[in-house]
């Protein structure tokens, strides 16, 4: 087992940028033999984060342009106007990710399936039954049975703990990757994250 510090991935379950970066993040963790901890959060408004739908229209328009560019660049399918976005809630999906990770199951596989369901498959990730089907396909029945709504008190405590920690260390947008107390905001900074991990191992 690696003795390196873990990568902590703070991300919104419904963030298209987290979706576009997810597979590269997993590959970095594997190449660098570095543990990966998924820490789903929402936008941290207290630190200056601004939800997309509250931004001025020119910013929203350019956001769509950039998503289309990155989607084409990496060959990752992405619907710029998915049927179920903005999500009714992200708490249920976040709680499912937290629970599956805590159980020692393949949280990255489940998390990516949830992201792909929203951004490429027109599925409602606020729906418990949708999440259970995604869990069944990625981590099996044991994982599907862990998904509940509302969140169990201990799962809610972890969700709120993620938010509190993100606010404390200055995170405002997602995804933000943290390694050795250094923040890397955005999937376009993943190369810098890998450089930092590699440098730490020298």
Foldseek 3Di string as FASTA:
>chain_A
DDPFEAKEWEFALQDLQCLLQLVVLVVLCVVLVHHYHYQYADFQVVLPADDLVVDPPVVNVVVLVVSVVSCVVVVPQFDSDAPQPPDPDRQLVNLLLQQCVVVVFDSSQLSSLSNCCGTPVSDHSVDLVVSLVSCCVGGRNVSSVRRDPPHDPVSVVSNVVSNVVCVVLRHRHPGWIAGPSDIDHTSVCVVVVSVVSVVVVD
